[in-house]
Protein backbone atom coordinates (compact mmCIF):
# COMPACT_ATOMS: atom_id res chain seq x y z
CA MET A 1 -5.79 81.26 109.08
CA GLY A 2 -6.79 83.58 111.86
CA ARG A 3 -5.51 86.92 112.82
CA GLU A 4 -3.73 88.00 116.15
CA GLY A 5 -2.86 91.30 117.45
CA VAL A 6 -4.12 94.75 116.69
CA ASN A 7 -1.91 95.97 113.89
CA TYR A 8 -2.80 95.14 110.35
CA GLY A 9 -1.15 95.41 107.03
CA GLY A 10 1.78 93.73 105.17
CA LEU A 11 5.48 94.24 105.37
CA GLU A 12 5.28 96.68 102.74
CA HIS A 13 4.24 99.27 105.37
CA TRP A 14 7.40 98.80 107.42
CA SER A 15 9.26 101.71 105.92
CA VAL A 16 6.55 104.03 106.97
CA LEU A 17 7.71 103.42 110.57
CA MET A 18 11.08 104.95 109.84
CA GLU A 19 11.47 108.55 110.98
CA ILE A 20 11.49 111.04 108.29
CA SER A 21 13.59 114.09 109.02
CA SER A 22 12.34 117.52 108.30
CA ALA A 23 15.54 119.38 108.75
CA ALA A 24 16.15 119.72 104.99
CA LEU A 25 12.63 120.77 104.13
CA SER A 26 11.83 124.22 102.95
CA PRO A 27 8.61 126.01 104.06
CA SER A 28 7.08 124.67 100.83
CA GLY A 29 7.86 121.08 101.75
CA ILE A 30 10.71 120.63 99.28
CA ASN A 31 13.64 118.66 100.46
CA TYR A 32 16.78 120.38 99.26
CA GLU A 33 18.86 117.20 99.73
CA VAL A 34 16.53 115.34 97.38
CA VAL A 35 16.91 118.09 94.76
CA ALA A 36 20.64 117.96 95.13
CA LEU A 37 20.83 114.30 94.77
CA MET A 38 18.56 114.15 91.78
CA ALA A 39 20.75 116.74 90.06
CA ILE A 40 23.73 114.38 90.78
CA LYS A 41 21.70 111.50 89.43
CA GLY A 42 20.69 113.54 86.27
CA ASP A 43 24.32 114.33 85.33
CA LEU A 44 25.61 110.73 85.76
CA THR A 45 25.20 107.78 83.22
CA ASP A 46 24.10 104.71 85.24
CA PRO A 47 24.39 101.61 83.06
CA HIS A 48 23.62 99.18 85.88
CA ASN A 49 20.67 101.25 87.38
CA VAL A 50 22.36 101.47 90.85
CA LEU A 51 20.54 104.73 91.42
CA GLU A 52 17.13 103.30 90.26
CA ASN A 53 15.38 103.99 93.55
CA TRP A 54 16.37 107.65 93.63
CA ASP A 55 12.97 109.29 93.33
CA SER A 56 12.37 113.01 92.94
CA SER A 57 8.93 112.64 94.60
CA SER A 58 10.47 111.13 97.73
CA VAL A 59 10.75 113.49 100.90
CA ASP A 60 13.28 111.12 102.65
CA PRO A 61 16.50 109.93 100.68
CA CYS A 62 17.80 108.11 103.68
CA SER A 63 16.46 104.75 102.27
CA TRP A 64 18.07 105.30 98.80
CA ARG A 65 20.93 103.14 97.75
CA MET A 66 24.37 104.62 98.02
CA VAL A 67 23.10 107.24 100.48
CA THR A 68 23.83 107.11 104.18
CA CYS A 69 22.13 109.47 106.75
CA SER A 70 23.20 110.63 110.27
CA THR A 71 20.96 110.01 113.22
CA ASP A 72 19.20 113.45 112.60
CA GLY A 73 18.20 112.36 109.09
CA SER A 74 20.63 114.47 107.04
CA VAL A 75 22.69 112.99 104.24
CA SER A 76 26.20 112.35 105.64
CA VAL A 77 27.85 109.91 103.13
CA LEU A 78 27.53 109.71 99.36
CA GLY A 79 29.30 106.57 98.28
CA PHE A 80 29.02 104.68 94.95
CA PRO A 81 32.58 103.40 94.25
CA SER A 82 33.22 100.92 91.40
CA GLN A 83 29.78 101.19 89.95
CA ASN A 84 30.86 101.86 86.25
CA LEU A 85 29.24 105.45 86.42
CA SER A 86 30.15 108.06 83.83
CA GLY A 87 29.02 111.56 83.02
CA THR A 88 29.96 114.57 85.14
CA LEU A 89 29.60 115.39 88.84
CA SER A 90 26.77 118.04 89.30
CA PRO A 91 27.54 121.28 91.19
CA GLY A 92 24.44 120.44 93.16
CA ILE A 93 26.63 118.38 95.50
CA GLY A 94 27.50 121.59 97.18
CA ASN A 95 24.06 121.71 98.55
CA LEU A 96 24.60 118.51 100.57
CA THR A 97 26.19 120.60 103.36
CA ASN A 98 26.03 117.84 106.07
CA LEU A 99 28.25 115.47 103.94
CA GLN A 100 31.20 113.94 105.83
CA SER A 101 32.35 111.51 103.16
CA VAL A 102 32.18 111.44 99.37
CA LEU A 103 33.38 108.19 97.92
CA LEU A 104 33.13 108.16 94.19
CA GLN A 105 36.39 106.21 93.27
CA ASN A 106 36.80 103.75 90.61
CA ASN A 107 34.26 105.08 88.00
CA ALA A 108 34.46 106.91 84.80
CA ILE A 109 33.27 110.33 85.87
CA SER A 110 34.63 113.19 83.71
CA GLY A 111 34.57 116.90 83.50
CA ARG A 112 35.72 119.34 86.14
CA ILE A 113 35.66 118.96 89.92
CA PRO A 114 32.81 121.20 91.03
CA PRO A 115 34.08 124.21 93.11
CA SER A 116 30.88 123.93 95.08
CA ILE A 117 32.44 121.03 96.96
CA GLY A 118 34.12 123.72 99.00
CA ASN A 119 30.78 124.33 100.58
CA LEU A 120 30.93 121.07 102.38
CA LYS A 121 32.42 122.26 105.57
CA LYS A 122 31.88 118.99 107.42
CA LEU A 123 33.69 116.87 104.80
CA GLN A 124 36.27 114.54 106.24
CA THR A 125 36.93 112.23 103.32
CA LEU A 126 36.85 113.11 99.57
CA ASP A 127 37.75 110.27 97.21
CA LEU A 128 37.43 110.96 93.54
CA SER A 129 40.33 108.76 92.52
CA ASN A 130 40.50 106.57 89.45
CA ASN A 131 38.04 108.55 87.27
CA ALA A 132 38.45 110.88 84.34
CA PHE A 133 38.17 114.31 85.94
CA SER A 134 40.09 117.09 84.12
CA GLY A 135 40.70 120.69 84.64
CA GLU A 136 42.25 122.39 87.67
CA ILE A 137 41.93 121.37 91.28
CA PRO A 138 39.42 123.86 92.74
CA SER A 139 40.94 126.42 95.17
CA SER A 140 37.85 126.20 97.18
CA LEU A 141 38.91 122.74 98.49
CA GLY A 142 41.33 124.85 100.79
CA GLY A 143 38.13 125.68 102.87
CA LEU A 144 37.49 122.20 103.89
CA LYS A 145 38.95 122.68 107.35
CA ASN A 146 37.78 119.17 108.64
CA LEU A 147 39.27 117.28 105.72
CA ASN A 148 41.40 114.23 106.59
CA TYR A 149 41.56 112.22 103.37
CA LEU A 150 41.89 113.75 99.88
CA ARG A 151 42.31 111.32 97.00
CA LEU A 152 42.42 112.75 93.54
CA ASN A 153 44.94 110.34 92.04
CA ASN A 154 44.60 108.63 88.53
CA ASN A 155 42.67 111.37 86.82
CA SER A 156 43.57 113.94 84.14
CA LEU A 157 43.87 117.04 86.33
CA THR A 158 46.01 119.83 84.94
CA GLY A 159 47.30 123.19 86.17
CA SER A 160 48.97 123.93 89.48
CA CYS A 161 47.98 122.63 92.91
CA PRO A 162 46.08 125.34 94.64
CA GLN A 163 48.02 127.16 97.45
CA SER A 164 44.79 127.07 99.50
CA LEU A 165 45.37 123.52 100.45
CA SER A 166 48.14 124.53 102.71
CA ASN A 167 45.39 126.06 104.88
CA ILE A 168 44.00 122.64 105.82
CA GLU A 169 45.86 121.59 109.11
CA GLY A 170 44.32 118.14 109.73
CA LEU A 171 45.15 116.39 106.69
CA THR A 172 46.41 112.71 106.99
CA LEU A 173 46.69 111.72 103.19
CA VAL A 174 46.78 113.73 100.12
CA ASP A 175 47.09 111.69 96.92
CA LEU A 176 47.57 113.65 93.77
CA SER A 177 49.52 111.09 91.80
CA TYR A 178 49.24 110.21 88.10
CA ASN A 179 47.58 113.45 86.88
CA ASN A 180 49.02 116.16 84.74
CA LEU A 181 49.63 118.76 87.23
CA SER A 182 52.40 121.33 86.96
CA GLY A 183 53.95 124.33 88.62
CA SER A 184 55.05 124.69 92.28
CA LEU A 185 53.65 122.48 95.01
CA PRO A 186 52.43 124.27 98.19
CA ARG A 187 53.54 123.18 101.53
CA ILE A 188 50.67 120.71 102.47
CA SER A 189 50.64 119.66 106.06
CA ALA A 190 49.56 116.10 105.32
CA ARG A 191 51.36 113.17 106.94
CA THR A 192 51.50 111.39 103.62
CA LEU A 193 51.69 113.22 100.32
CA LYS A 194 51.75 111.30 97.07
CA ILE A 195 52.68 113.37 93.82
CA VAL A 196 54.33 110.63 91.72
CA GLY A 197 53.37 110.53 88.04
CA ASN A 198 53.16 114.35 87.65
CA PRO A 199 56.40 115.09 85.70
CA LEU A 200 55.70 118.84 85.44
CA ILE A 201 55.32 119.43 89.14
CA CYS A 202 58.11 120.84 91.28
CA GLY A 203 58.93 121.67 94.83
CA PRO A 204 57.25 124.00 97.18
CA LYS A 205 59.19 127.07 96.00
CA ALA A 206 58.30 128.54 92.64
CA ASN A 207 62.06 129.00 91.65
CA ASN A 208 62.60 125.40 91.91
CA CYS A 209 60.52 124.88 88.79
CA SER A 210 63.20 126.22 86.59
CA SER A 211 65.58 123.53 87.80
CA VAL A 212 63.23 120.70 86.67
CA LEU A 213 62.72 121.83 83.03
CA PRO A 214 65.17 123.96 81.05
CA GLU A 215 64.17 127.08 79.30
CA PRO A 216 63.39 126.40 75.47
CA LEU A 217 66.31 127.14 73.25
CA SER A 218 66.33 129.93 70.63
CA PHE A 219 68.78 130.44 67.84
CA PRO A 220 69.56 133.73 66.03
CA PRO A 221 68.74 133.61 62.21
CA ASP A 222 72.44 134.01 61.35
CA ALA A 223 73.42 130.81 63.19
CA LEU A 224 71.01 128.85 60.86
CA ARG A 225 73.05 129.89 57.82
CA ASP A 226 76.26 128.23 58.83
CA SER A 227 77.03 124.83 57.40
CA GLY A 228 79.81 122.39 56.87
CA LYS A 229 81.97 120.44 59.22
CA LYS A 230 82.47 123.40 61.55
CA SER A 231 78.77 123.79 62.16
CA HIS A 232 78.44 120.02 62.51
CA HIS A 233 81.15 119.90 65.22
CA VAL A 234 79.78 122.80 66.86
CA ALA A 235 76.37 121.17 66.96
CA LEU A 236 77.74 117.96 68.38
CA ALA A 237 79.75 119.72 71.05
CA PHE A 238 76.83 121.87 72.14
CA GLY A 239 74.43 118.90 72.10
CA ALA A 240 76.87 116.93 74.28
CA SER A 241 77.25 119.87 76.60
CA PHE A 242 73.55 120.45 76.83
CA GLY A 243 72.87 116.78 77.37
CA ALA A 244 75.28 116.59 80.29
CA ALA A 245 73.87 119.81 81.73
CA PHE A 246 70.36 118.49 81.39
CA VAL A 247 71.26 115.22 83.22
CA ILE A 248 72.82 117.33 86.08
CA VAL A 249 69.77 119.48 86.22
CA ILE A 250 67.45 116.45 86.34
CA ILE A 251 69.67 114.87 89.21
CA VAL A 252 69.54 118.08 91.17
CA GLY A 253 65.92 118.50 90.74
CA PHE A 254 65.26 114.89 91.82
CA LEU A 255 67.41 115.36 94.98
CA VAL A 256 65.49 118.46 95.86
CA TRP A 257 62.16 116.72 95.25
CA TRP A 258 63.41 113.59 97.23
CA ARG A 259 64.60 115.69 100.06
CA TYR A 260 61.22 117.45 100.31
CA ARG A 261 59.22 114.15 100.12
CA ARG A 262 61.49 112.65 102.64
CA ASN A 263 60.71 115.40 105.16
CA GLN A 264 57.02 115.47 104.18
CA GLN A 265 55.92 111.80 104.15
CA ILE A 266 55.63 109.91 107.45
CA PHE A 267 55.09 106.32 107.55
CA PHE A 268 53.90 104.18 110.49
CA ASP A 269 57.10 102.64 111.99
CA VAL A 270 57.93 101.30 115.23
CA ASN A 271 58.43 104.80 116.78
CA GLU A 272 54.85 105.71 115.81
CA HIS A 273 53.31 102.87 117.76
CA TYR A 274 52.84 104.85 120.83
CA ASP A 275 51.90 108.24 119.29
CA PRO A 276 48.35 108.89 120.27
CA GLU A 277 48.08 111.79 117.54
CA VAL A 278 48.78 109.45 114.63
CA ARG A 279 45.62 109.02 112.50
CA LEU A 280 44.69 106.60 109.71
CA GLY A 281 42.09 108.40 107.73
CA HIS A 282 39.37 109.61 110.04
CA LEU A 283 40.60 107.00 112.64
CA LYS A 284 42.35 107.98 115.66
CA ARG A 285 45.47 105.99 116.66
CA PHE A 286 45.37 105.55 120.53
CA SER A 287 48.28 104.66 122.74
CA PHE A 288 48.02 101.45 124.60
CA LYS A 289 48.46 103.40 127.78
CA GLU A 290 45.50 105.57 127.04
CA LEU A 291 43.12 102.67 126.44
CA ARG A 292 44.62 100.68 129.40
CA THR A 293 43.71 103.74 131.64
CA ALA A 294 40.22 104.20 130.05
CA THR A 295 39.38 100.59 130.96
CA ASP A 296 40.84 100.76 134.34
CA HIS A 297 43.59 98.42 133.31
CA PHE A 298 41.11 96.26 131.55
CA ASN A 299 39.29 95.61 134.66
CA SER A 300 36.76 92.67 134.44
CA LYS A 301 33.90 94.99 135.77
CA ASN A 302 34.16 96.77 132.47
CA ILE A 303 33.73 93.73 130.24
CA LEU A 304 30.74 94.06 127.89
CA GLY A 305 31.18 90.71 126.11
CA ARG A 306 33.60 87.97 125.27
CA GLY A 307 33.86 86.31 121.85
CA GLY A 308 35.89 84.50 119.15
CA PHE A 309 37.68 87.75 118.31
CA GLY A 310 38.53 88.80 121.87
CA ILE A 311 37.06 90.71 124.87
CA VAL A 312 35.03 93.97 124.56
CA TYR A 313 35.47 96.52 127.32
CA LYS A 314 33.57 99.75 128.11
CA ALA A 315 35.96 102.62 128.28
CA CYS A 316 35.96 106.26 129.38
CA LEU A 317 38.47 108.46 127.49
CA ASN A 318 40.18 111.49 128.90
CA ASP A 319 37.71 113.76 127.24
CA GLY A 320 34.75 112.07 129.07
CA SER A 321 33.58 110.20 126.02
CA VAL A 322 32.38 106.56 126.40
CA VAL A 323 33.57 104.01 123.89
CA ALA A 324 33.88 100.30 123.40
CA VAL A 325 37.45 98.69 123.05
CA LYS A 326 37.78 95.33 121.60
CA ARG A 327 41.02 93.74 122.56
CA LEU A 328 41.88 91.12 119.94
CA LYS A 329 43.11 87.95 121.26
CA ASP A 330 46.49 86.50 120.51
CA TYR A 331 46.82 88.68 117.38
CA ASN A 332 49.95 87.93 115.40
CA ALA A 333 49.25 88.89 111.87
CA ALA A 334 51.32 87.24 109.14
CA GLY A 335 51.55 90.55 107.39
CA GLY A 336 52.47 92.41 110.61
CA GLU A 337 51.79 96.07 111.18
CA ILE A 338 51.26 96.91 107.39
CA GLN A 339 48.72 93.99 106.96
CA PHE A 340 46.82 95.07 110.15
CA GLN A 341 46.57 98.74 109.06
CA THR A 342 45.47 97.66 105.63
CA GLU A 343 42.54 95.66 107.14
CA VAL A 344 41.73 98.39 109.61
CA GLU A 345 41.54 100.96 106.82
CA THR A 346 39.26 98.68 104.85
CA ILE A 347 36.96 98.27 107.73
CA SER A 348 36.83 102.07 108.39
CA LEU A 349 35.81 102.80 104.89
CA ALA A 350 32.47 100.88 105.34
CA VAL A 351 30.28 103.84 106.33
CA HIS A 352 26.58 103.44 106.69
CA ARG A 353 23.92 104.43 109.18
CA ASN A 354 23.28 100.77 109.85
CA LEU A 355 26.91 99.72 110.34
CA LEU A 356 29.03 100.17 113.44
CA ARG A 357 31.59 102.61 112.43
CA LEU A 358 35.26 102.01 113.58
CA SER A 359 36.53 105.07 115.17
CA GLY A 360 40.01 104.21 116.42
CA PHE A 361 42.66 101.53 116.87
CA CYS A 362 45.81 100.75 118.83
CA SER A 363 48.75 98.75 117.68
CA THR A 364 51.95 97.77 119.44
CA GLN A 365 54.31 94.80 119.21
CA HIS A 366 52.05 92.63 121.25
CA GLU A 367 48.64 94.19 121.28
CA ARG A 368 45.92 95.03 118.72
CA LEU A 369 42.86 96.94 119.91
CA LEU A 370 39.81 98.38 117.94
CA VAL A 371 37.76 101.35 119.27
CA TYR A 372 34.14 101.64 118.56
CA PRO A 373 31.24 104.05 119.64
CA TYR A 374 29.45 102.66 122.68
CA MET A 375 25.93 101.31 122.17
CA SER A 376 23.94 101.88 125.27
CA ASN A 377 21.02 99.79 124.19
CA GLY A 378 23.20 96.62 123.77
CA SER A 379 22.59 93.92 121.22
CA VAL A 380 19.40 92.53 119.85
CA ALA A 381 20.11 89.23 121.71
CA SER A 382 20.51 90.97 125.03
CA ARG A 383 17.27 92.95 124.49
CA LEU A 384 15.03 90.29 123.28
CA LYS A 385 14.13 89.24 126.80
CA ASP A 386 14.24 92.66 128.39
CA HIS A 387 11.12 94.50 129.57
CA ILE A 388 10.45 98.21 130.06
CA HIS A 389 7.56 99.02 132.44
CA GLY A 390 6.17 95.58 131.94
CA HIS A 391 6.33 95.77 128.17
CA PRO A 392 8.89 93.94 126.04
CA ALA A 393 11.85 96.26 125.14
CA LEU A 394 11.64 95.06 121.54
CA ASP A 395 7.83 95.17 120.42
CA TRP A 396 6.83 93.93 117.08
CA SER A 397 7.26 97.31 115.37
CA ARG A 398 10.85 97.54 116.69
CA ARG A 399 11.60 94.00 115.55
CA LYS A 400 10.48 94.88 112.01
CA ARG A 401 12.71 98.01 111.97
CA ILE A 402 15.68 95.93 113.23
CA ALA A 403 15.18 93.53 110.31
CA LEU A 404 14.96 96.43 107.76
CA GLY A 405 18.06 98.10 109.22
CA THR A 406 20.09 95.04 109.41
CA ALA A 407 19.12 94.20 105.75
CA ARG A 408 20.19 97.59 104.65
CA GLY A 409 23.61 97.29 106.48
CA LEU A 410 24.33 94.01 104.79
CA VAL A 411 23.25 95.28 101.33
CA TYR A 412 25.90 97.99 101.77
CA LEU A 413 28.62 95.48 102.78
CA HIS A 414 27.84 93.14 99.86
CA GLU A 415 27.05 95.53 97.01
CA GLN A 416 28.10 99.02 97.80
CA CYS A 417 31.24 98.73 99.81
CA ASP A 418 34.59 98.81 98.17
CA PRO A 419 36.08 96.21 98.64
CA LYS A 420 32.94 94.16 99.45
CA ILE A 421 32.79 92.54 102.92
CA ILE A 422 31.20 89.21 103.86
CA HIS A 423 30.27 89.27 107.56
CA ARG A 424 30.24 85.57 108.16
CA ASP A 425 28.57 85.71 111.59
CA VAL A 426 25.21 87.47 111.18
CA LYS A 427 23.21 86.99 114.35
CA ALA A 428 21.20 88.75 116.99
CA ALA A 429 24.25 89.12 119.26
CA ASN A 430 26.17 90.95 116.54
CA ILE A 431 23.28 93.45 115.74
CA LEU A 432 23.61 96.40 118.15
CA LEU A 433 20.99 99.05 118.98
CA ASP A 434 21.57 102.67 118.98
CA GLU A 435 19.93 105.17 121.25
CA ASP A 436 16.77 105.16 119.04
CA PHE A 437 16.77 101.27 118.86
CA GLU A 438 18.02 101.48 115.20
CA ALA A 439 19.88 98.27 114.06
CA VAL A 440 23.63 98.67 113.67
CA VAL A 441 25.52 95.74 112.32
CA GLY A 442 28.71 95.01 114.25
CA ASP A 443 31.88 92.92 113.96
CA PHE A 444 31.93 93.00 110.19
CA GLY A 445 35.42 92.49 108.65
CA LEU A 446 36.88 90.97 111.70
CA ALA A 447 36.59 87.46 110.21
CA LYS A 448 39.26 88.45 107.69
CA LEU A 449 41.53 90.01 110.28
CA LEU A 450 41.25 86.52 112.14
CA ASP A 451 42.23 84.72 109.13
CA HIS A 452 45.30 86.78 108.58
CA ARG A 453 46.19 86.11 112.14
CA ASP A 454 45.73 82.29 111.95
CA SER A 455 47.11 81.85 108.45
CA HIS A 456 47.37 78.13 108.84
CA VAL A 457 43.62 77.70 109.40
CA THR A 458 42.04 80.05 106.88
CA THR A 459 39.66 77.31 105.69
CA ALA A 460 38.24 76.91 109.28
CA VAL A 461 34.52 77.57 109.67
CA ARG A 462 34.01 80.86 111.58
CA GLY A 463 30.62 81.61 112.98
CA THR A 464 28.05 80.38 115.29
CA VAL A 465 26.39 76.92 115.29
CA GLY A 466 22.83 77.27 114.13
CA HIS A 467 23.66 80.28 112.04
CA ILE A 468 26.22 78.80 109.61
CA ALA A 469 25.05 78.13 106.16
CA PRO A 470 25.14 74.48 105.05
CA GLU A 471 27.62 74.89 102.22
CA TYR A 472 29.99 76.77 104.62
CA LEU A 473 29.74 73.90 107.03
CA SER A 474 30.47 71.33 104.41
CA THR A 475 33.14 73.16 102.40
CA GLY A 476 34.44 75.95 104.55
CA GLN A 477 33.81 78.32 101.56
CA SER A 478 31.91 81.53 102.36
CA SER A 479 30.06 84.01 100.18
CA GLU A 480 27.42 86.65 100.38
CA LYS A 481 24.85 83.88 100.40
CA THR A 482 26.43 82.73 103.60
CA ASP A 483 25.30 85.98 105.17
CA VAL A 484 21.86 85.69 103.63
CA PHE A 485 21.50 82.39 105.51
CA GLY A 486 22.50 83.99 108.80
CA PHE A 487 19.98 86.78 108.14
CA GLY A 488 17.27 84.35 107.77
CA ILE A 489 18.10 82.90 111.16
CA LEU A 490 18.23 86.25 112.68
CA LEU A 491 14.59 86.88 111.35
CA LEU A 492 13.61 83.73 113.17
CA GLU A 493 15.30 85.04 116.34
CA LEU A 494 13.31 88.21 116.17
CA ILE A 495 10.10 86.10 115.68
CA THR A 496 10.70 83.56 118.37
CA GLY A 497 12.77 85.46 120.83
CA HIS A 498 15.10 82.52 121.29
CA LYS A 499 18.61 81.46 120.17
CA ALA A 500 19.17 79.30 117.08
CA LEU A 501 20.07 76.16 119.09
CA ASP A 502 18.20 76.69 122.37
CA PHE A 503 14.59 77.70 121.62
CA GLY A 504 12.80 75.19 123.68
CA ARG A 505 9.19 75.87 124.62
CA ALA A 506 9.40 73.27 127.34
CA ALA A 507 12.27 72.10 129.56
CA ASN A 508 12.61 68.98 127.49
CA GLN A 509 12.39 70.53 124.13
CA LYS A 510 15.65 71.68 122.51
CA GLY A 511 17.09 71.55 119.01
CA VAL A 512 17.60 73.50 116.00
CA MET A 513 15.22 76.37 115.58
CA LEU A 514 15.17 76.19 111.77
CA ASP A 515 13.88 72.59 111.66
CA TRP A 516 11.14 73.51 114.29
CA VAL A 517 10.05 76.60 112.39
CA LYS A 518 9.81 74.59 109.09
CA LYS A 519 7.71 71.98 110.72
CA LEU A 520 5.22 74.54 112.17
CA HIS A 521 5.03 76.37 108.96
CA GLN A 522 4.16 73.13 107.09
CA ASP A 523 1.47 72.45 109.74
CA GLY A 524 0.02 75.92 109.48
CA ARG A 525 0.77 76.71 113.17
CA LEU A 526 2.68 79.91 112.77
CA SER A 527 1.31 81.63 115.95
CA GLN A 528 2.99 78.96 118.08
CA MET A 529 6.46 80.22 117.02
CA VAL A 530 5.94 83.86 118.13
CA ASP A 531 7.69 85.01 121.16
CA LYS A 532 5.21 84.69 124.09
CA ASP A 533 6.46 88.13 125.50
CA LEU A 534 4.67 89.87 122.69
CA LYS A 535 1.37 88.53 124.16
CA GLY A 536 -0.23 88.42 120.82
CA ASN A 537 0.52 91.99 119.78
CA PHE A 538 1.66 91.18 116.26
CA ASP A 539 0.07 91.08 112.83
CA MET A 540 -0.56 87.64 111.40
CA ILE A 541 -0.14 88.59 107.85
CA GLU A 542 3.30 90.24 108.67
CA LEU A 543 4.24 87.16 110.52
CA GLU A 544 3.58 84.89 107.57
CA GLU A 545 5.51 87.21 105.35
CA MET A 546 8.43 87.47 107.60
CA VAL A 547 8.54 83.68 107.97
CA GLN A 548 8.44 83.33 104.13
CA VAL A 549 11.44 85.68 103.80
CA ALA A 550 13.30 83.71 106.44
CA LEU A 551 12.64 80.41 104.68
CA LEU A 552 13.86 81.74 101.47
CA CYS A 553 16.92 83.05 103.01
CA THR A 554 17.65 79.64 104.65
CA GLN A 555 17.32 77.34 101.57
CA PHE A 556 20.02 74.73 101.61
CA ASN A 557 21.22 75.44 98.02
CA PRO A 558 22.93 78.87 98.11
CA SER A 559 21.99 79.63 94.47
CA HIS A 560 18.33 79.48 95.34
CA ARG A 561 18.65 81.97 98.06
CA PRO A 562 17.98 85.75 97.24
CA LYS A 563 20.73 88.48 97.36
CA MET A 564 20.46 90.79 100.28
CA SER A 565 19.27 93.60 97.95
CA GLU A 566 16.32 91.33 96.89
CA VAL A 567 15.68 90.41 100.58
CA LEU A 568 15.47 94.10 101.41
CA LYS A 569 12.86 94.62 98.68
CA MET A 570 10.74 91.66 99.91
CA LEU A 571 10.77 93.12 103.36
CA GLU A 572 9.66 96.38 101.96
CA GLY A 573 6.87 94.62 100.30
CA ASP A 574 8.13 94.16 96.70
CA GLY A 575 8.22 90.80 95.01
CA LEU A 576 7.77 88.39 97.96
CA ALA A 577 4.83 86.59 96.60
CA GLU A 578 6.40 86.00 93.23
CA ARG A 579 9.70 84.78 94.80
CA TRP A 580 7.89 82.41 97.28
CA GLU A 581 5.71 80.86 94.56
CA ALA A 582 8.85 80.28 92.46
CA SER A 583 10.59 78.65 95.47
CA GLN A 584 7.69 76.29 95.96
CA ARG A 585 8.07 75.22 92.29
CA ILE A 586 11.70 74.54 92.69
CA GLU A 587 11.50 72.55 95.87
CA THR A 588 10.02 69.41 94.38
CA PRO A 589 10.11 66.07 96.26
CA ARG A 590 13.02 64.89 93.86
CA PHE A 591 15.03 67.97 94.82
CA ARG A 592 14.41 67.57 98.51
CA SER A 593 15.55 63.84 98.38
CA CYS A 594 19.09 65.07 97.24
CA GLU A 595 19.53 67.20 100.40
CA PRO A 596 19.51 66.59 104.22
CA GLN A 597 15.90 66.71 105.50
CA ARG A 598 16.93 68.64 108.59
CA TYR A 599 19.52 71.34 109.38
CA SER A 600 20.49 69.49 112.54
CA ASP A 601 21.41 66.33 110.44
CA LEU A 602 23.83 68.55 108.51
CA ILE A 603 25.35 69.76 111.83
CA GLU A 604 25.80 66.28 113.15
CA GLU A 605 27.34 65.01 109.77
CA SER A 606 29.88 67.83 109.51
CA SER A 607 33.38 66.90 110.31
CA LEU A 608 34.82 70.43 110.30
CA ILE A 609 35.86 72.08 113.43
CA ILE A 610 33.43 74.87 114.14
CA GLU A 611 34.53 77.91 116.06
CA ALA A 612 31.52 79.25 117.91
CA MET A 613 31.72 82.86 118.42
CA GLU A 614 29.72 84.62 121.07
CA LEU A 615 30.59 88.16 120.17
CA SER A 616 29.70 90.71 122.81
CA GLY A 617 26.73 92.36 124.56
CA PRO A 618 26.31 96.09 124.72
CA ARG A 619 29.05 98.08 123.25
């Protein structure tokens, strides 16, 4: 097999192409963020090796699992929820000064909360809930002026709530419930404050504490010498009086607490629908009027794309920022406003450099809109045929980076996000490109929103023909392996430059790309499938490896497909040869006879209604 192009080397060199930030390097070349992260790893017990690829010899932690970096290469999100981690949280976390989110919920981490967290001045979300933290809440948390979300519930925290928390003005939610806190509660300016499950805590004024628990009783020594009926009757009378007084005190204390809570906590009700200042976590809640004005009354000239979820518009907000507004079509969720907000919050908690982050929403009686950052470079699908100064906008190097970035985003959705999210429509049109042409996975989590909307068709297949996994076509049941199949088709889109169902090399040649690629691979004619716009500027070894990964991802039996984390490792050059050899042993003639020979046959035989979704161009 010959070589084409000028670039040589395997896919294992792809990661070298990723930009390595030097912002955190000392003059001696030490990355302080690496040092801090390794200190965190060292203090944790990791039974499932989720932090296995954290390497002290690395100069760039942005490729590490559970770590997300901003566009400037600094660590912005540390998130390993529900990973069965134990041990303690290292004070070294305070050296990750660019952190915006710390998501460590649902583990078994113990010890004190490090006061050094107060150094994280950019922090917006701190979630340490459902762990085993003990000791007092550090007063240094009061210095986190940008904090929106503070979740410390379901731990073993003691002492009083620090008065410094009243200094944070932008809090949306503070959840301190189910700890062992005591003393007076400061006036925390959060829209929602949860303190249930702390029996020793009391209202915002210190003198309220005496009304919650009575002073301990003391008796003079002489009183203890009395005996007989008189003392017995006196004791009964005193006990009854004390019991009645105690009940009254408890009732009064509860009423004081309830009145405080009633004034403090604000829920999203009908009156809040049009309040642009209401926030859900880091999300801004826009008014419908504001978004209507920003899109020039949803003018057709501002349409960026149409799809199964609705129409996407380019919008200019009052502050001059440009965003993308997705207007969901015919949204009437069975769960109403509460269900919608629950799903929106779930989507918003998925934070990764290769995921399109939800930044806002709008909810009225008849409208549901989602607000995202605007991606000026559009989607992979829209850029595959573009040219810049006579050269393809997506050269071979960029296509490889897109494959890596998309894989990392999907790994996060499948294995690191809590709750896990299945995309169900992975394709080139749903992979967006930021200003540096880095891949950003869009439209994740929306399939679930759509299912809640159409509660009577929750088993309908949602996706795009040519990208839908065989088992999803035949049963309507999706899984992480459904996304793996879609990713394999995406790789073929990057290689060929064509859509999955319309890839013809000639006017009379149309069909399913997967079948065509399989035939060329069997015949050893790989170069014929490569996008002609590349004009031979690709590496033949890299091409063969990418095709092998794509074919592993698109095996008909979902149990034979790799997980996305395994796909990512293979793209980075780890384990592809072994996996490919094993797949060839599995795919015996007997096994092949049990399945359709072509993907197109399966499409034709499927009796399910397929909702093809063309989900937007640049956003």
